Amino acid sequence: MQQSSSKFYFYAFTVAAVLWMAFIFFKSGETYQQQTLRPLLEAKLGGSALFRHFPRLSFTYDGQLVSWQDPVGVIEFFIRKAGHVSEYAILALLWIIALLAKPVRVIMTLVTSSIISVLYAASDEWHQTFVDGRTGHAIDVVVDTIGVLLAVLVVLAVLGIRARIKRRRISW
C-alpha cells in the first residue's frame, strides 16, 4: 500500500470508528421505551400461529427470566443481543482496518482493536447506568466481546485466504 493511500485509510477508518462509537453512545443513551421493539413485534406477530409452535424455552439472563410464555419478549431479547454482537463486530472491524493501514504487525492490530472495542463496551454499559430506565450489565460486555472475537476471526480468515492465494500464484 502506498504511503498516501495508507494514510488516507488510517484516517478515514479512524474517523468511521469514532463516529460509530458516537452512534453507540447515542443509542445507549436512549431509554428502553425509545428502543423497544415490542409494539412492532406484537403488531407483526400478534395472534400468529408462530406462538403455538414456539419452543418452550426459558432461562435467566442477568437475574431476569426470559420465557416462552412471553414469545415477543424472547424474540426481542435475541434481536437485542444480535444487535450487541453486530455493533461491536462492526466497531472492531473499523479499528482493525484503520490500524492495518499502519506498519504494525497483524497480531498487534488485532489485540489493540480488541482492547479498544471491549473497553468501549465496558464504558458503554457503565454509561447506561446513568440513563433513566436502563441498567448496565456486565454480561452484555461478554456479548459485545463475542462480536469483537467474530470480527477478529473474520479478519484472520480473510488474511489466511489471501496468503494462501498468494502462495498458489507464486508456486505456479
Protein backbone atom coordinates (compact mmCIF):
# COMPACT_ATOMS: atom_id res chain seq x y z
CA MET A 1 0.00 0.00 0.00
CA GLN A 2 1.33 3.41 -0.88
CA GLN A 3 2.14 5.89 1.88
CA SER A 4 -0.58 8.41 0.91
CA SER A 5 -3.35 5.81 0.46
CA SER A 6 -2.26 4.14 3.69
CA LYS A 7 -2.57 7.45 5.50
CA PHE A 8 -5.98 8.05 3.92
CA TYR A 9 -7.27 4.61 5.00
CA PHE A 10 -5.96 5.13 8.52
CA TYR A 11 -7.68 8.49 8.94
CA ALA A 12 -10.87 7.51 7.12
CA PHE A 13 -11.41 4.35 9.15
CA THR A 14 -10.36 6.01 12.40
CA VAL A 15 -13.00 8.69 11.80
CA ALA A 16 -15.53 5.97 10.90
CA ALA A 17 -14.71 4.08 14.13
CA VAL A 18 -15.06 7.21 16.26
CA LEU A 19 -18.37 8.08 14.55
CA TRP A 20 -19.58 4.51 15.16
CA MET A 21 -18.62 4.89 18.83
CA ALA A 22 -20.64 8.12 18.95
CA PHE A 23 -23.60 6.29 17.42
CA ILE A 24 -23.34 3.54 20.07
CA PHE A 25 -23.12 6.20 22.79
CA PHE A 26 -26.22 7.96 21.42
CA LYS A 27 -28.22 4.72 21.17
CA SER A 28 -27.25 3.61 24.67
CA GLY A 29 -28.43 6.98 25.97
CA GLU A 30 -31.97 6.22 24.84
CA THR A 31 -34.47 4.83 27.33
CA TYR A 32 -35.83 1.32 26.94
CA GLN A 33 -39.17 2.82 25.87
CA GLN A 34 -37.43 4.65 23.00
CA GLN A 35 -35.72 1.46 21.83
CA THR A 36 -38.32 -1.22 22.44
CA LEU A 37 -39.35 -3.42 19.54
CA ARG A 38 -42.36 -4.86 21.38
CA PRO A 39 -45.06 -2.75 19.66
CA LEU A 40 -43.67 -3.58 16.21
CA LEU A 41 -43.26 -7.28 17.02
CA GLU A 42 -46.72 -7.50 18.57
CA ALA A 43 -48.26 -5.79 15.53
CA LYS A 44 -46.46 -8.12 13.10
CA LEU A 45 -46.63 -11.35 15.11
CA GLY A 46 -49.65 -10.88 17.40
CA GLY A 47 -52.05 -13.81 17.14
CA SER A 48 -49.59 -15.57 14.88
CA ALA A 49 -49.54 -19.35 14.63
CA LEU A 50 -45.83 -18.97 15.37
CA PHE A 51 -46.62 -18.80 19.07
CA ARG A 52 -48.31 -22.22 19.07
CA HIS A 53 -45.09 -23.70 17.72
CA PHE A 54 -42.75 -21.58 19.80
CA PRO A 55 -40.16 -23.71 21.64
CA ARG A 56 -40.73 -23.98 25.37
CA LEU A 57 -37.57 -22.07 26.13
CA SER A 58 -36.92 -20.43 29.50
CA PHE A 59 -33.70 -19.14 31.01
CA THR A 60 -32.41 -16.45 33.30
CA TYR A 61 -30.28 -13.65 31.88
CA ASP A 62 -28.64 -11.38 34.44
CA GLY A 63 -31.32 -12.20 37.01
CA GLN A 64 -34.27 -11.71 34.65
CA LEU A 65 -36.45 -14.53 33.33
CA VAL A 66 -36.69 -14.88 29.56
CA SER A 67 -39.55 -17.28 28.91
CA TRP A 68 -41.52 -18.87 26.09
CA GLN A 69 -44.63 -17.64 27.90
CA ASP A 70 -43.72 -14.19 26.53
CA PRO A 71 -42.68 -15.08 22.95
CA VAL A 72 -42.44 -11.43 21.88
CA GLY A 73 -40.08 -10.83 24.81
CA VAL A 74 -37.91 -13.79 23.76
CA ILE A 75 -37.75 -12.61 20.14
CA GLU A 76 -36.91 -9.06 21.24
CA PHE A 77 -34.25 -10.42 23.61
CA PHE A 78 -32.47 -12.27 20.79
CA ILE A 79 -32.76 -9.29 18.42
CA ARG A 80 -31.21 -7.05 21.08
CA LYS A 81 -28.35 -9.46 21.75
CA ALA A 82 -27.73 -9.82 18.00
CA GLY A 83 -27.55 -6.02 17.95
CA HIS A 84 -24.89 -6.08 20.67
CA VAL A 85 -22.83 -8.65 18.76
CA SER A 86 -23.12 -6.88 15.41
CA GLU A 87 -22.46 -3.33 16.65
CA TYR A 88 -19.24 -4.38 18.38
CA ALA A 89 -18.17 -6.59 15.45
CA ILE A 90 -18.51 -3.50 13.25
CA LEU A 91 -16.58 -1.37 15.74
CA ALA A 92 -13.74 -3.90 15.93
CA LEU A 93 -13.61 -4.21 12.12
CA LEU A 94 -13.39 -0.45 11.71
CA TRP A 95 -10.49 -0.26 14.17
CA ILE A 96 -8.79 -3.28 12.58
CA ILE A 97 -8.98 -1.78 9.09
CA ALA A 98 -7.72 1.58 10.38
CA LEU A 99 -4.78 0.01 12.18
CA LEU A 100 -3.90 -2.36 9.33
CA ALA A 101 -3.10 0.77 7.31
CA LYS A 102 -0.18 1.37 9.69
CA PRO A 103 3.09 -0.56 9.56
CA VAL A 104 2.21 -2.68 12.59
CA ARG A 105 2.15 -6.45 12.99
CA VAL A 106 -1.25 -8.00 12.37
CA ILE A 107 -1.36 -9.54 15.85
CA MET A 108 -0.78 -6.12 17.44
CA THR A 109 -3.55 -4.66 15.27
CA LEU A 110 -5.98 -7.39 16.33
CA VAL A 111 -5.08 -7.11 20.02
CA THR A 112 -5.23 -3.30 20.04
CA SER A 113 -8.55 -3.22 18.17
CA SER A 114 -9.99 -5.81 20.53
CA ILE A 115 -8.85 -3.92 23.63
CA ILE A 116 -10.30 -0.63 22.35
CA SER A 117 -13.61 -2.31 21.48
CA VAL A 118 -14.00 -4.28 24.72
CA LEU A 119 -13.04 -1.28 26.88
CA TYR A 120 -15.58 0.79 24.98
CA ALA A 121 -18.20 -1.91 25.57
CA ALA A 122 -17.50 -1.77 29.30
CA SER A 123 -17.68 2.03 29.34
CA ASP A 124 -20.93 1.87 27.36
CA GLU A 125 -22.53 -0.43 29.92
CA TRP A 126 -21.36 1.92 32.68
CA HIS A 127 -22.83 4.85 30.73
CA GLN A 128 -26.20 3.06 30.67
CA THR A 129 -26.32 3.07 34.48
CA PHE A 130 -26.85 6.84 34.26
CA VAL A 131 -29.78 6.62 31.81
CA ASP A 132 -33.32 6.52 33.19
CA GLY A 133 -34.91 3.12 32.68
CA ARG A 134 -31.63 1.48 31.64
CA THR A 135 -29.15 -0.63 33.52
CA GLY A 136 -25.64 -1.64 32.65
CA HIS A 137 -25.00 -5.38 32.65
CA ALA A 138 -21.55 -6.95 32.84
CA ILE A 139 -22.89 -9.94 30.90
CA ASP A 140 -23.63 -7.59 27.99
CA VAL A 141 -19.91 -6.78 27.81
CA VAL A 142 -19.38 -10.52 27.30
CA VAL A 143 -21.97 -10.49 24.49
CA ASP A 144 -20.22 -7.46 22.95
CA THR A 145 -16.91 -9.30 23.21
CA ILE A 146 -18.37 -12.15 21.16
CA GLY A 147 -18.88 -9.62 18.37
CA VAL A 148 -15.29 -8.43 18.71
CA LEU A 149 -14.00 -12.01 18.57
CA LEU A 150 -16.12 -12.75 15.49
CA ALA A 151 -14.61 -9.71 13.76
CA VAL A 152 -11.10 -10.91 14.63
CA LEU A 153 -11.90 -14.39 13.30
CA VAL A 154 -13.28 -12.95 10.04
CA VAL A 155 -10.13 -10.87 9.56
CA LEU A 156 -7.89 -13.86 10.32
CA ALA A 157 -9.86 -15.97 7.83
CA VAL A 158 -9.62 -13.30 5.12
CA LEU A 159 -5.89 -12.80 5.71
CA GLY A 160 -5.36 -16.56 5.70
CA ILE A 161 -7.24 -16.98 2.42
CA ARG A 162 -5.32 -14.07 0.91
CA ALA A 163 -1.97 -15.59 1.94
CA ARG A 164 -3.00 -18.95 0.51
CA ILE A 165 -3.94 -17.39 -2.82
CA LYS A 166 -0.59 -15.56 -2.93
CA ARG A 167 1.28 -18.83 -2.25
CA ARG A 168 -0.60 -20.56 -5.07
CA ARG A 169 0.25 -17.77 -7.52
CA ILE A 170 3.94 -17.97 -6.58
CA SER A 171 4.07 -21.78 -6.95
CA TRP A 172 2.59 -21.65 -10.49
